[in-house]
């Protein structure tokens, strides 16, 4: 899959991103902004401007902006106060309506999903308070089960109002790691399927999980 962006890696005969968009559509999402950079034209050509009735817009990086810069630029193409953010190369089964509802009721600026997995070595783990707030992120390398960042967030778009346009920065280090220990991050648990196609074992596993269409 080295000749295409990771979201277009073939899974059961379709681009992986197709499965992600199907899930969004099935849960009632009607507008999605895709942040694209590397070989953006390939993603735009494969996905188009609508996906089974769901409107697709694009936020194109002319130069690499990092995860934070990409999110910041994509937010300019939205108008809602609270938005959902997902990775294009991971899949997590989670009730998006419940995630969004908890986020809005909590008053938190960011609510991240967590997934309990048997081996968190590759990802690092998330430590939560008894109330479910994020209190620490632990680095990769610790062997054993743990809660990991599931890669889906509900955020208040105003958290990036102070960031200059086209800034390159890391969402993880500038917002998650900074705000986590300060008790500013909420969490939402998922016990559903988690797939990261950047991990060879997961990419192979995905081929047998998603039904061939």
N, C-alpha and C. Protein backbone atom coordinates (compact mmCIF):
# COMPACT_ATOMS: atom_id res chain seq x y z
N UNK A 1 0.82 -1.21 0.00
CA UNK A 1 0.00 0.00 0.00
C UNK A 1 0.86 1.27 0.00
N UNK A 2 2.18 1.13 -0.32
CA UNK A 2 3.09 2.26 -0.22
C UNK A 2 2.87 3.30 -1.31
N UNK A 3 2.18 2.95 -2.39
CA UNK A 3 2.01 3.89 -3.49
C UNK A 3 0.76 4.74 -3.37
N UNK A 4 0.02 4.59 -2.29
CA UNK A 4 -1.19 5.39 -2.06
C UNK A 4 -1.16 5.93 -0.63
N UNK A 5 -1.87 7.05 -0.38
CA UNK A 5 -2.00 7.51 1.00
C UNK A 5 -2.66 6.41 1.84
N UNK A 6 -2.28 6.33 3.13
CA UNK A 6 -2.79 5.25 3.98
C UNK A 6 -4.32 5.13 3.97
N UNK A 7 -5.08 6.23 3.98
CA UNK A 7 -6.54 6.08 3.98
C UNK A 7 -7.09 5.36 2.75
N UNK A 8 -6.30 5.30 1.67
CA UNK A 8 -6.75 4.61 0.45
C UNK A 8 -6.24 3.17 0.36
N UNK A 9 -5.52 2.71 1.36
CA UNK A 9 -5.04 1.33 1.35
C UNK A 9 -6.22 0.38 1.17
N UNK A 10 -6.13 -0.60 0.26
CA UNK A 10 -7.27 -1.48 -0.02
C UNK A 10 -7.57 -2.44 1.13
N UNK A 11 -8.81 -2.45 1.53
CA UNK A 11 -9.31 -3.37 2.55
C UNK A 11 -10.57 -4.02 2.03
N UNK A 12 -10.52 -5.32 1.83
CA UNK A 12 -11.66 -6.07 1.29
C UNK A 12 -12.16 -5.44 -0.01
N UNK A 13 -11.22 -5.03 -0.86
CA UNK A 13 -11.58 -4.52 -2.18
C UNK A 13 -12.01 -3.08 -2.24
N UNK A 14 -11.91 -2.35 -1.13
CA UNK A 14 -12.29 -0.93 -1.11
C UNK A 14 -11.22 -0.13 -0.38
N UNK A 15 -11.15 1.18 -0.63
CA UNK A 15 -10.24 2.00 0.17
C UNK A 15 -10.66 1.96 1.64
N UNK A 16 -9.69 1.91 2.54
CA UNK A 16 -10.02 1.87 3.97
C UNK A 16 -10.92 3.04 4.35
N UNK A 17 -10.66 4.21 3.78
CA UNK A 17 -11.45 5.39 4.09
C UNK A 17 -12.93 5.19 3.77
N UNK A 18 -13.24 4.34 2.81
CA UNK A 18 -14.64 4.07 2.46
C UNK A 18 -15.38 3.48 3.65
N UNK A 19 -14.72 2.59 4.40
CA UNK A 19 -15.36 1.99 5.57
C UNK A 19 -15.59 3.03 6.66
N UNK A 20 -14.63 3.94 6.80
CA UNK A 20 -14.77 5.01 7.79
C UNK A 20 -15.94 5.92 7.43
N UNK A 21 -16.03 6.30 6.16
CA UNK A 21 -17.12 7.18 5.71
C UNK A 21 -18.48 6.49 5.79
N UNK A 22 -18.52 5.20 5.47
CA UNK A 22 -19.77 4.44 5.61
C UNK A 22 -20.28 4.52 7.04
N UNK A 23 -19.36 4.34 7.98
CA UNK A 23 -19.75 4.37 9.39
C UNK A 23 -20.29 5.74 9.80
N UNK A 24 -19.65 6.80 9.33
CA UNK A 24 -20.13 8.15 9.62
C UNK A 24 -21.53 8.35 9.05
N UNK A 25 -21.69 7.94 7.81
CA UNK A 25 -22.98 8.10 7.14
C UNK A 25 -24.09 7.34 7.85
N UNK A 26 -23.79 6.11 8.25
CA UNK A 26 -24.78 5.28 8.92
C UNK A 26 -25.18 5.85 10.28
N UNK A 27 -24.31 6.67 10.86
CA UNK A 27 -24.63 7.28 12.16
C UNK A 27 -25.21 8.68 12.02
N UNK A 28 -25.54 9.06 10.79
CA UNK A 28 -26.27 10.30 10.59
C UNK A 28 -25.43 11.53 10.31
N UNK A 29 -24.13 11.37 10.13
CA UNK A 29 -23.28 12.52 9.79
C UNK A 29 -23.59 12.93 8.35
N UNK A 30 -23.84 14.19 8.12
CA UNK A 30 -24.24 14.66 6.80
C UNK A 30 -23.22 15.56 6.13
N UNK A 31 -22.17 15.95 6.84
CA UNK A 31 -21.13 16.79 6.23
C UNK A 31 -19.78 16.44 6.84
N UNK A 32 -18.81 16.18 5.99
CA UNK A 32 -17.47 15.81 6.44
C UNK A 32 -16.43 16.62 5.69
N UNK A 33 -15.43 17.11 6.42
CA UNK A 33 -14.29 17.80 5.82
C UNK A 33 -13.09 16.88 5.93
N UNK A 34 -12.48 16.54 4.81
CA UNK A 34 -11.30 15.70 4.80
C UNK A 34 -10.06 16.57 4.70
N UNK A 35 -9.17 16.46 5.70
CA UNK A 35 -7.89 17.17 5.67
C UNK A 35 -6.91 16.31 4.89
N UNK A 36 -6.45 16.81 3.77
CA UNK A 36 -5.60 16.02 2.87
C UNK A 36 -4.31 16.77 2.56
N UNK A 37 -3.24 16.00 2.37
CA UNK A 37 -1.95 16.58 2.03
C UNK A 37 -1.26 15.72 1.01
N UNK A 38 -0.55 14.69 1.48
CA UNK A 38 0.20 13.81 0.60
C UNK A 38 -0.71 13.14 -0.43
N UNK A 39 -0.40 13.35 -1.70
CA UNK A 39 -1.19 12.81 -2.81
C UNK A 39 -2.70 13.08 -2.62
N UNK A 40 -2.99 14.32 -2.29
CA UNK A 40 -4.38 14.72 -2.05
C UNK A 40 -5.28 14.41 -3.24
N UNK A 41 -4.74 14.57 -4.45
CA UNK A 41 -5.54 14.36 -5.65
C UNK A 41 -6.08 12.94 -5.73
N UNK A 42 -5.33 11.98 -5.16
CA UNK A 42 -5.78 10.58 -5.20
C UNK A 42 -7.00 10.39 -4.30
N UNK A 43 -6.96 11.00 -3.12
CA UNK A 43 -8.11 10.90 -2.20
C UNK A 43 -9.31 11.62 -2.77
N UNK A 44 -9.10 12.80 -3.32
CA UNK A 44 -10.21 13.57 -3.89
C UNK A 44 -10.83 12.84 -5.06
N UNK A 45 -9.99 12.19 -5.87
CA UNK A 45 -10.51 11.44 -7.01
C UNK A 45 -11.27 10.20 -6.59
N UNK A 46 -10.82 9.54 -5.53
CA UNK A 46 -11.46 8.30 -5.09
C UNK A 46 -12.76 8.55 -4.33
N UNK A 47 -12.84 9.66 -3.61
CA UNK A 47 -13.99 9.91 -2.74
C UNK A 47 -15.00 10.86 -3.37
N UNK A 48 -14.54 11.91 -4.05
CA UNK A 48 -15.45 12.85 -4.67
C UNK A 48 -16.04 13.84 -3.69
N UNK A 49 -17.13 14.48 -4.09
CA UNK A 49 -17.73 15.55 -3.29
C UNK A 49 -18.97 15.12 -2.51
N UNK A 50 -19.33 13.87 -2.64
CA UNK A 50 -20.41 13.35 -1.81
C UNK A 50 -20.24 11.84 -1.67
N UNK A 51 -20.73 11.34 -0.54
CA UNK A 51 -20.60 9.92 -0.25
C UNK A 51 -21.95 9.39 0.20
N UNK A 52 -22.67 8.79 -0.74
CA UNK A 52 -24.00 8.27 -0.44
C UNK A 52 -24.88 9.32 0.23
N UNK A 53 -24.82 10.53 -0.31
CA UNK A 53 -25.65 11.61 0.21
C UNK A 53 -24.97 12.49 1.23
N UNK A 54 -23.84 12.08 1.78
CA UNK A 54 -23.09 12.89 2.74
C UNK A 54 -22.16 13.83 1.99
N UNK A 55 -22.24 15.12 2.29
CA UNK A 55 -21.41 16.11 1.60
C UNK A 55 -19.96 15.98 2.04
N UNK A 56 -19.06 16.01 1.06
CA UNK A 56 -17.63 15.93 1.34
C UNK A 56 -16.95 17.21 0.87
N UNK A 57 -16.23 17.87 1.77
CA UNK A 57 -15.41 19.03 1.43
C UNK A 57 -13.96 18.67 1.75
N UNK A 58 -13.03 19.49 1.25
CA UNK A 58 -11.61 19.19 1.44
C UNK A 58 -10.87 20.40 1.99
N UNK A 59 -9.94 20.11 2.89
CA UNK A 59 -9.00 21.11 3.39
C UNK A 59 -7.63 20.62 2.96
N UNK A 60 -7.01 21.32 2.01
CA UNK A 60 -5.78 20.84 1.38
C UNK A 60 -4.56 21.57 1.95
N UNK A 61 -3.59 20.80 2.44
CA UNK A 61 -2.34 21.35 2.95
C UNK A 61 -1.36 21.53 1.78
N UNK A 62 -0.94 22.75 1.56
CA UNK A 62 0.08 23.00 0.54
C UNK A 62 1.47 22.62 1.05
N UNK A 63 1.68 22.78 2.35
CA UNK A 63 2.89 22.33 3.02
C UNK A 63 2.47 21.56 4.27
N UNK A 64 3.28 20.61 4.74
CA UNK A 64 2.89 19.82 5.91
C UNK A 64 2.65 20.70 7.14
N UNK A 65 1.52 20.49 7.79
CA UNK A 65 1.13 21.31 8.94
C UNK A 65 1.11 20.54 10.25
N UNK A 66 1.41 19.23 10.20
CA UNK A 66 1.29 18.44 11.42
C UNK A 66 -0.17 18.16 11.72
N UNK A 67 -0.42 17.34 12.71
CA UNK A 67 -1.81 16.99 13.03
C UNK A 67 -2.60 18.21 13.51
N UNK A 68 -1.97 19.05 14.30
CA UNK A 68 -2.67 20.23 14.80
C UNK A 68 -2.97 21.24 13.72
N UNK A 69 -1.97 21.52 12.87
CA UNK A 69 -2.18 22.47 11.79
C UNK A 69 -3.23 22.00 10.81
N UNK A 70 -3.25 20.69 10.55
CA UNK A 70 -4.26 20.14 9.64
C UNK A 70 -5.66 20.30 10.21
N UNK A 71 -5.81 20.03 11.50
CA UNK A 71 -7.12 20.19 12.16
C UNK A 71 -7.53 21.66 12.14
N UNK A 72 -6.58 22.53 12.49
CA UNK A 72 -6.88 23.96 12.54
C UNK A 72 -7.37 24.47 11.19
N UNK A 73 -6.71 24.07 10.12
CA UNK A 73 -7.10 24.52 8.79
C UNK A 73 -8.47 23.95 8.41
N UNK A 74 -8.71 22.68 8.74
CA UNK A 74 -9.99 22.06 8.41
C UNK A 74 -11.14 22.71 9.16
N UNK A 75 -10.88 23.18 10.37
CA UNK A 75 -11.94 23.83 11.15
C UNK A 75 -12.47 25.08 10.46
N UNK A 76 -11.63 25.72 9.65
CA UNK A 76 -12.07 26.94 8.96
C UNK A 76 -13.13 26.64 7.91
N UNK A 77 -13.26 25.36 7.55
CA UNK A 77 -14.28 24.96 6.57
C UNK A 77 -15.57 24.52 7.25
N UNK A 78 -15.62 24.64 8.57
CA UNK A 78 -16.83 24.28 9.31
C UNK A 78 -17.41 25.50 9.98
N UNK A 79 -18.67 25.39 10.40
CA UNK A 79 -19.31 26.53 11.07
C UNK A 79 -19.88 26.16 12.44
N UNK A 80 -19.95 24.88 12.78
CA UNK A 80 -20.50 24.46 14.06
C UNK A 80 -19.53 24.76 15.20
N UNK A 81 -20.08 25.00 16.38
CA UNK A 81 -19.24 25.28 17.55
C UNK A 81 -18.49 24.04 18.02
N UNK A 82 -19.14 22.88 17.94
CA UNK A 82 -18.53 21.62 18.35
C UNK A 82 -18.47 20.70 17.14
N UNK A 83 -17.35 20.01 16.97
CA UNK A 83 -17.17 19.14 15.82
C UNK A 83 -16.53 17.82 16.25
N UNK A 84 -16.67 16.82 15.41
CA UNK A 84 -16.01 15.55 15.61
C UNK A 84 -14.76 15.48 14.74
N UNK A 85 -13.70 14.91 15.28
CA UNK A 85 -12.45 14.73 14.54
C UNK A 85 -12.10 13.25 14.56
N UNK A 86 -11.75 12.70 13.39
CA UNK A 86 -11.37 11.30 13.28
C UNK A 86 -10.09 11.18 12.47
N UNK A 87 -9.38 10.08 12.69
CA UNK A 87 -8.23 9.75 11.85
C UNK A 87 -8.72 9.01 10.60
N UNK A 88 -8.01 9.20 9.50
CA UNK A 88 -8.40 8.52 8.27
C UNK A 88 -7.79 7.14 8.11
N UNK A 89 -6.91 6.76 9.04
CA UNK A 89 -6.27 5.45 8.92
C UNK A 89 -6.53 4.55 10.13
N UNK A 90 -7.51 4.93 10.96
CA UNK A 90 -7.95 4.07 12.05
C UNK A 90 -9.46 3.97 12.03
N UNK A 91 -9.96 2.89 12.62
CA UNK A 91 -11.40 2.67 12.69
C UNK A 91 -11.74 2.26 14.11
N UNK A 92 -12.72 2.93 14.70
CA UNK A 92 -13.17 2.59 16.05
C UNK A 92 -14.69 2.56 16.07
N UNK A 93 -15.24 1.46 16.53
CA UNK A 93 -16.68 1.36 16.71
C UNK A 93 -17.08 2.13 17.96
N UNK A 94 -17.82 3.21 17.78
CA UNK A 94 -18.25 4.02 18.91
C UNK A 94 -19.54 4.74 18.53
N UNK A 95 -20.42 4.94 19.51
CA UNK A 95 -21.67 5.65 19.30
C UNK A 95 -21.36 7.15 19.26
N UNK A 96 -21.34 7.72 18.07
CA UNK A 96 -20.96 9.12 17.93
C UNK A 96 -21.97 10.07 18.55
N UNK A 97 -23.23 9.71 18.52
CA UNK A 97 -24.26 10.57 19.14
C UNK A 97 -24.03 10.67 20.64
N UNK A 98 -23.74 9.52 21.27
CA UNK A 98 -23.51 9.52 22.72
C UNK A 98 -22.23 10.26 23.08
N UNK A 99 -21.19 10.08 22.26
CA UNK A 99 -19.94 10.82 22.47
C UNK A 99 -20.19 12.31 22.41
N UNK A 100 -20.88 12.75 21.39
CA UNK A 100 -21.13 14.17 21.19
C UNK A 100 -21.99 14.74 22.32
N UNK A 101 -22.99 13.97 22.74
CA UNK A 101 -23.88 14.41 23.81
C UNK A 101 -23.11 14.57 25.12
N UNK A 102 -22.27 13.59 25.46
CA UNK A 102 -21.49 13.68 26.69
C UNK A 102 -20.55 14.87 26.64
N UNK A 103 -19.93 15.08 25.49
CA UNK A 103 -19.00 16.21 25.34
C UNK A 103 -19.70 17.53 25.60
N UNK A 104 -20.85 17.73 25.00
CA UNK A 104 -21.55 19.00 25.14
C UNK A 104 -22.07 19.21 26.56
N UNK A 105 -22.49 18.16 27.22
CA UNK A 105 -22.99 18.28 28.59
C UNK A 105 -21.85 18.51 29.59
N UNK A 106 -20.66 18.02 29.27
CA UNK A 106 -19.55 18.08 30.23
C UNK A 106 -18.92 19.46 30.35
N UNK A 107 -19.02 20.23 29.28
CA UNK A 107 -18.36 21.53 29.27
C UNK A 107 -16.88 21.46 28.97
N UNK A 108 -16.36 20.27 28.69
CA UNK A 108 -14.95 20.11 28.36
C UNK A 108 -14.68 20.66 26.96
N UNK A 109 -13.45 21.11 26.75
CA UNK A 109 -13.07 21.61 25.44
C UNK A 109 -12.77 20.46 24.47
N UNK A 110 -12.28 19.35 25.01
CA UNK A 110 -11.98 18.17 24.20
C UNK A 110 -12.44 16.93 24.95
N UNK A 111 -13.12 16.04 24.23
CA UNK A 111 -13.46 14.72 24.77
C UNK A 111 -12.90 13.69 23.82
N UNK A 112 -12.02 12.84 24.33
CA UNK A 112 -11.42 11.82 23.46
C UNK A 112 -11.98 10.45 23.77
N UNK A 113 -12.02 9.62 22.76
CA UNK A 113 -12.46 8.24 22.96
C UNK A 113 -11.29 7.40 23.46
N UNK A 114 -11.62 6.40 24.25
CA UNK A 114 -10.61 5.44 24.69
C UNK A 114 -11.03 4.04 24.27
N UNK A 115 -10.03 3.22 24.02
CA UNK A 115 -10.28 1.83 23.64
C UNK A 115 -9.39 0.93 24.49
N UNK A 116 -9.99 -0.06 25.12
CA UNK A 116 -9.23 -1.01 25.93
C UNK A 116 -8.69 -2.11 25.02
N UNK A 117 -7.36 -2.25 24.96
CA UNK A 117 -6.77 -3.28 24.12
C UNK A 117 -5.81 -4.14 24.95
N UNK A 118 -5.53 -5.32 24.42
CA UNK A 118 -4.72 -6.29 25.16
C UNK A 118 -3.26 -5.89 25.26
N UNK A 119 -2.74 -5.20 24.24
CA UNK A 119 -1.34 -4.80 24.25
C UNK A 119 -1.23 -3.35 23.78
N UNK A 120 -0.95 -2.48 24.71
CA UNK A 120 -0.87 -1.04 24.39
C UNK A 120 0.56 -0.59 24.08
N UNK A 121 1.48 -1.54 23.89
CA UNK A 121 2.90 -1.23 23.69
C UNK A 121 3.13 -0.21 22.58
N UNK A 122 2.44 -0.39 21.45
CA UNK A 122 2.67 0.47 20.28
C UNK A 122 2.10 1.88 20.45
N UNK A 123 1.14 2.02 21.37
CA UNK A 123 0.37 3.27 21.41
C UNK A 123 0.61 4.12 22.64
N UNK A 124 1.06 3.54 23.73
CA UNK A 124 1.02 4.25 24.99
C UNK A 124 -0.39 4.15 25.54
N UNK A 125 -0.57 4.60 26.75
CA UNK A 125 -1.88 4.46 27.38
C UNK A 125 -2.38 5.77 27.97
N UNK A 126 -3.66 5.78 28.25
CA UNK A 126 -4.32 6.95 28.82
C UNK A 126 -4.74 6.61 30.25
N UNK A 127 -4.39 7.47 31.20
CA UNK A 127 -4.80 7.28 32.58
C UNK A 127 -5.97 8.21 32.89
N UNK A 128 -7.02 7.65 33.49
CA UNK A 128 -8.23 8.40 33.76
C UNK A 128 -8.49 8.52 35.26
N UNK A 129 -9.15 9.59 35.65
CA UNK A 129 -9.61 9.73 37.03
C UNK A 129 -10.86 8.88 37.23
N UNK A 130 -11.33 8.79 38.45
CA UNK A 130 -12.54 8.01 38.74
C UNK A 130 -13.75 8.61 38.04
N UNK A 131 -13.67 9.91 37.71
CA UNK A 131 -14.78 10.57 37.00
C UNK A 131 -14.65 10.45 35.49
N UNK A 132 -13.55 9.87 35.01
CA UNK A 132 -13.37 9.69 33.58
C UNK A 132 -12.62 10.80 32.90
N UNK A 133 -12.05 11.75 33.67
CA UNK A 133 -11.23 12.79 33.06
C UNK A 133 -9.82 12.25 32.81
N UNK A 134 -9.19 12.74 31.75
CA UNK A 134 -7.82 12.33 31.44
C UNK A 134 -6.87 13.03 32.42
N UNK A 135 -6.02 12.25 33.08
CA UNK A 135 -5.07 12.86 34.01
C UNK A 135 -3.62 12.64 33.58
N UNK A 136 -3.39 11.71 32.65
CA UNK A 136 -2.01 11.49 32.19
C UNK A 136 -2.00 10.65 30.92
N UNK A 137 -0.95 10.87 30.12
CA UNK A 137 -0.65 10.02 28.97
C UNK A 137 0.68 9.33 29.24
N UNK A 138 0.71 8.02 29.09
CA UNK A 138 1.93 7.26 29.31
C UNK A 138 2.54 6.86 27.98
N UNK A 139 3.84 6.97 27.86
CA UNK A 139 4.52 6.76 26.59
C UNK A 139 4.47 5.30 26.13
N UNK A 140 4.76 5.13 24.86
CA UNK A 140 4.80 3.79 24.26
C UNK A 140 5.88 2.94 24.93
N UNK A 141 5.71 1.64 24.81
CA UNK A 141 6.75 0.73 25.27
C UNK A 141 6.38 -0.11 26.47
N UNK A 142 5.38 0.32 27.24
CA UNK A 142 4.97 -0.47 28.40
C UNK A 142 4.12 -1.64 27.94
N UNK A 143 4.57 -2.84 28.26
CA UNK A 143 3.89 -4.06 27.81
C UNK A 143 2.66 -4.34 28.69
N UNK A 144 1.58 -4.75 28.04
CA UNK A 144 0.38 -5.13 28.78
C UNK A 144 -0.85 -4.41 28.27
N UNK A 145 -1.97 -4.79 28.81
CA UNK A 145 -3.24 -4.19 28.40
C UNK A 145 -3.35 -2.77 28.93
N UNK A 146 -4.22 -2.00 28.30
CA UNK A 146 -4.43 -0.64 28.76
C UNK A 146 -5.43 0.09 27.90
N UNK A 147 -5.82 1.25 28.38
CA UNK A 147 -6.70 2.12 27.61
C UNK A 147 -5.83 3.01 26.72
N UNK A 148 -6.16 3.05 25.43
CA UNK A 148 -5.41 3.90 24.51
C UNK A 148 -6.33 4.98 23.94
N UNK A 149 -5.71 5.99 23.39
CA UNK A 149 -6.44 7.02 22.67
C UNK A 149 -7.04 6.41 21.41
N UNK A 150 -8.36 6.41 21.29
CA UNK A 150 -9.03 5.77 20.17
C UNK A 150 -9.04 6.57 18.88
N UNK A 151 -8.53 7.81 18.92
CA UNK A 151 -8.39 8.59 17.69
C UNK A 151 -9.65 9.28 17.20
N UNK A 152 -10.69 9.33 18.03
CA UNK A 152 -11.89 10.09 17.69
C UNK A 152 -12.11 11.10 18.82
N UNK A 153 -12.35 12.36 18.44
CA UNK A 153 -12.50 13.43 19.42
C UNK A 153 -13.75 14.26 19.13
N UNK A 154 -14.36 14.77 20.18
CA UNK A 154 -15.33 15.85 20.06
C UNK A 154 -14.63 17.08 20.63
N UNK A 155 -14.60 18.17 19.87
CA UNK A 155 -13.88 19.35 20.35
C UNK A 155 -14.70 20.62 20.17
N UNK A 156 -14.39 21.58 21.01
CA UNK A 156 -14.90 22.94 20.88
C UNK A 156 -13.95 23.66 19.94
N UNK A 157 -14.45 24.09 18.80
CA UNK A 157 -13.57 24.67 17.79
C UNK A 157 -12.84 25.92 18.27
N UNK A 158 -13.34 26.55 19.32
CA UNK A 158 -12.72 27.79 19.80
C UNK A 158 -11.38 27.55 20.47
N UNK A 159 -11.03 26.28 20.76
CA UNK A 159 -9.75 26.02 21.42
C UNK A 159 -8.57 26.43 20.55
N UNK A 160 -8.80 26.59 19.25
CA UNK A 160 -7.70 26.95 18.35
C UNK A 160 -7.81 28.37 17.82
N UNK A 161 -8.68 29.17 18.42
CA UNK A 161 -8.87 30.54 17.93
C UNK A 161 -7.59 31.37 18.01
N UNK A 162 -6.72 31.05 18.96
CA UNK A 162 -5.51 31.84 19.15
C UNK A 162 -4.37 31.42 18.23
N UNK A 163 -4.56 30.33 17.49
CA UNK A 163 -3.48 29.80 16.66
C UNK A 163 -3.42 30.54 15.32
N UNK A 164 -2.25 31.05 14.92
CA UNK A 164 -2.14 31.75 13.64
C UNK A 164 -2.45 30.80 12.47
N UNK A 165 -3.05 31.31 11.39
CA UNK A 165 -3.34 30.48 10.21
C UNK A 165 -2.09 29.83 9.65
N UNK A 166 -2.26 28.61 9.12
CA UNK A 166 -1.19 27.87 8.47
C UNK A 166 -0.03 27.52 9.40
N UNK A 167 -0.28 27.51 10.71
CA UNK A 167 0.76 27.11 11.65
C UNK A 167 0.93 25.59 11.62
N UNK A 168 2.17 25.14 11.72
CA UNK A 168 2.45 23.71 11.78
C UNK A 168 2.72 23.32 13.23
N UNK A 169 1.94 22.40 13.75
CA UNK A 169 2.14 21.96 15.13
C UNK A 169 1.44 20.62 15.36
N UNK A 170 1.73 20.03 16.50
CA UNK A 170 1.17 18.73 16.85
C UNK A 170 -0.06 18.90 17.74
N UNK A 171 -1.18 18.34 17.34
CA UNK A 171 -2.38 18.37 18.16
C UNK A 171 -2.15 17.61 19.46
N UNK A 172 -1.43 16.50 19.36
CA UNK A 172 -1.20 15.66 20.53
C UNK A 172 -0.39 16.39 21.60
N UNK A 173 0.75 16.98 21.21
CA UNK A 173 1.61 17.61 22.22
C UNK A 173 1.13 18.99 22.63
N UNK A 174 0.52 19.74 21.71
CA UNK A 174 0.10 21.10 22.02
C UNK A 174 -1.23 21.17 22.78
N UNK A 175 -2.07 20.17 22.60
CA UNK A 175 -3.38 20.22 23.25
C UNK A 175 -3.63 19.03 24.18
N UNK A 176 -3.43 17.82 23.68
CA UNK A 176 -3.76 16.66 24.50
C UNK A 176 -2.81 16.50 25.69
N UNK A 177 -1.52 16.42 25.42
CA UNK A 177 -0.57 16.20 26.51
C UNK A 177 -0.52 17.41 27.44
N UNK A 178 -0.70 18.60 26.90
CA UNK A 178 -0.69 19.81 27.72
C UNK A 178 -1.91 19.89 28.63
N UNK A 179 -3.09 19.61 28.07
CA UNK A 179 -4.33 19.79 28.83
C UNK A 179 -4.73 18.58 29.66
N UNK A 180 -4.22 17.38 29.29
CA UNK A 180 -4.62 16.18 30.01
C UNK A 180 -4.36 16.25 31.50
N UNK A 181 -3.10 16.47 31.91
CA UNK A 181 -2.81 16.52 33.35
C UNK A 181 -3.51 17.67 34.07
N UNK A 182 -3.95 18.68 33.31
CA UNK A 182 -4.62 19.82 33.92
C UNK A 182 -6.10 19.57 34.16
N UNK A 183 -6.56 18.37 33.82
CA UNK A 183 -7.96 18.03 34.05
C UNK A 183 -8.92 18.68 33.08
N UNK A 184 -8.42 19.03 31.89
CA UNK A 184 -9.27 19.72 30.93
C UNK A 184 -9.84 18.80 29.85
N UNK A 185 -9.45 17.52 29.87
CA UNK A 185 -9.89 16.58 28.84
C UNK A 185 -10.86 15.57 29.43
N UNK A 186 -11.99 15.41 28.76
CA UNK A 186 -12.91 14.35 29.13
C UNK A 186 -12.65 13.11 28.28
N UNK A 187 -13.28 12.01 28.65
CA UNK A 187 -13.09 10.78 27.87
C UNK A 187 -14.43 10.10 27.66
N UNK A 188 -14.46 9.26 26.63
CA UNK A 188 -15.65 8.48 26.32
C UNK A 188 -15.18 7.08 25.95
N UNK A 189 -15.62 6.04 26.68
CA UNK A 189 -15.10 4.70 26.45
C UNK A 189 -15.79 3.99 25.29
N UNK A 190 -15.00 3.17 24.59
CA UNK A 190 -15.55 2.29 23.57
C UNK A 190 -15.03 0.88 23.80
N UNK A 191 -15.94 -0.08 23.70
CA UNK A 191 -15.55 -1.49 23.78
C UNK A 191 -15.62 -2.14 22.41
N UNK A 192 -15.77 -1.31 21.38
CA UNK A 192 -15.94 -1.83 20.03
C UNK A 192 -14.63 -2.10 19.33
N UNK A 193 -14.74 -2.51 18.09
CA UNK A 193 -13.60 -2.84 17.24
C UNK A 193 -12.67 -1.64 17.08
N UNK A 194 -11.36 -1.88 17.24
CA UNK A 194 -10.36 -0.86 16.97
C UNK A 194 -9.38 -1.44 15.96
N UNK A 195 -9.16 -0.69 14.86
CA UNK A 195 -8.24 -1.11 13.81
C UNK A 195 -7.34 0.06 13.46
N UNK A 196 -6.03 -0.18 13.41
CA UNK A 196 -5.06 0.82 12.97
C UNK A 196 -4.29 0.20 11.81
N UNK A 197 -4.59 0.63 10.59
CA UNK A 197 -3.97 -0.02 9.43
C UNK A 197 -2.51 0.36 9.25
N UNK A 198 -2.00 1.26 10.09
CA UNK A 198 -0.57 1.54 10.07
C UNK A 198 0.24 0.44 10.73
N UNK A 199 -0.45 -0.45 11.44
CA UNK A 199 0.18 -1.61 12.07
C UNK A 199 -0.05 -2.82 11.16
N UNK A 200 1.01 -3.45 10.65
CA UNK A 200 0.84 -4.55 9.69
C UNK A 200 -0.12 -5.63 10.15
N UNK A 201 -0.07 -6.01 11.41
CA UNK A 201 -0.97 -7.04 11.91
C UNK A 201 -2.43 -6.61 11.81
N UNK A 202 -2.69 -5.33 12.13
CA UNK A 202 -4.06 -4.81 12.05
C UNK A 202 -4.52 -4.70 10.61
N UNK A 203 -3.60 -4.29 9.72
CA UNK A 203 -3.98 -4.18 8.31
C UNK A 203 -4.38 -5.55 7.76
N UNK A 204 -3.64 -6.57 8.12
CA UNK A 204 -3.98 -7.93 7.70
C UNK A 204 -5.29 -8.37 8.33
N UNK A 205 -5.49 -8.04 9.60
CA UNK A 205 -6.71 -8.43 10.30
C UNK A 205 -7.94 -7.76 9.69
N UNK A 206 -7.77 -6.53 9.23
CA UNK A 206 -8.89 -5.79 8.65
C UNK A 206 -9.47 -6.49 7.43
N UNK A 207 -8.63 -7.20 6.68
CA UNK A 207 -9.09 -7.86 5.46
C UNK A 207 -10.16 -8.92 5.76
N UNK A 208 -10.11 -9.50 6.94
CA UNK A 208 -11.08 -10.55 7.28
C UNK A 208 -12.25 -10.02 8.11
N UNK A 209 -12.14 -8.77 8.58
CA UNK A 209 -13.20 -8.21 9.43
C UNK A 209 -14.25 -7.48 8.61
N UNK A 210 -13.81 -6.69 7.65
CA UNK A 210 -14.76 -5.92 6.84
C UNK A 210 -15.27 -6.79 5.70
N UNK A 211 -16.59 -6.84 5.52
CA UNK A 211 -17.16 -7.72 4.50
C UNK A 211 -16.84 -7.24 3.08
N UNK A 212 -16.55 -8.16 2.20
CA UNK A 212 -16.30 -7.83 0.80
C UNK A 212 -17.61 -7.37 0.15
N UNK A 213 -17.56 -6.23 -0.55
CA UNK A 213 -18.76 -5.71 -1.22
C UNK A 213 -18.61 -5.83 -2.72
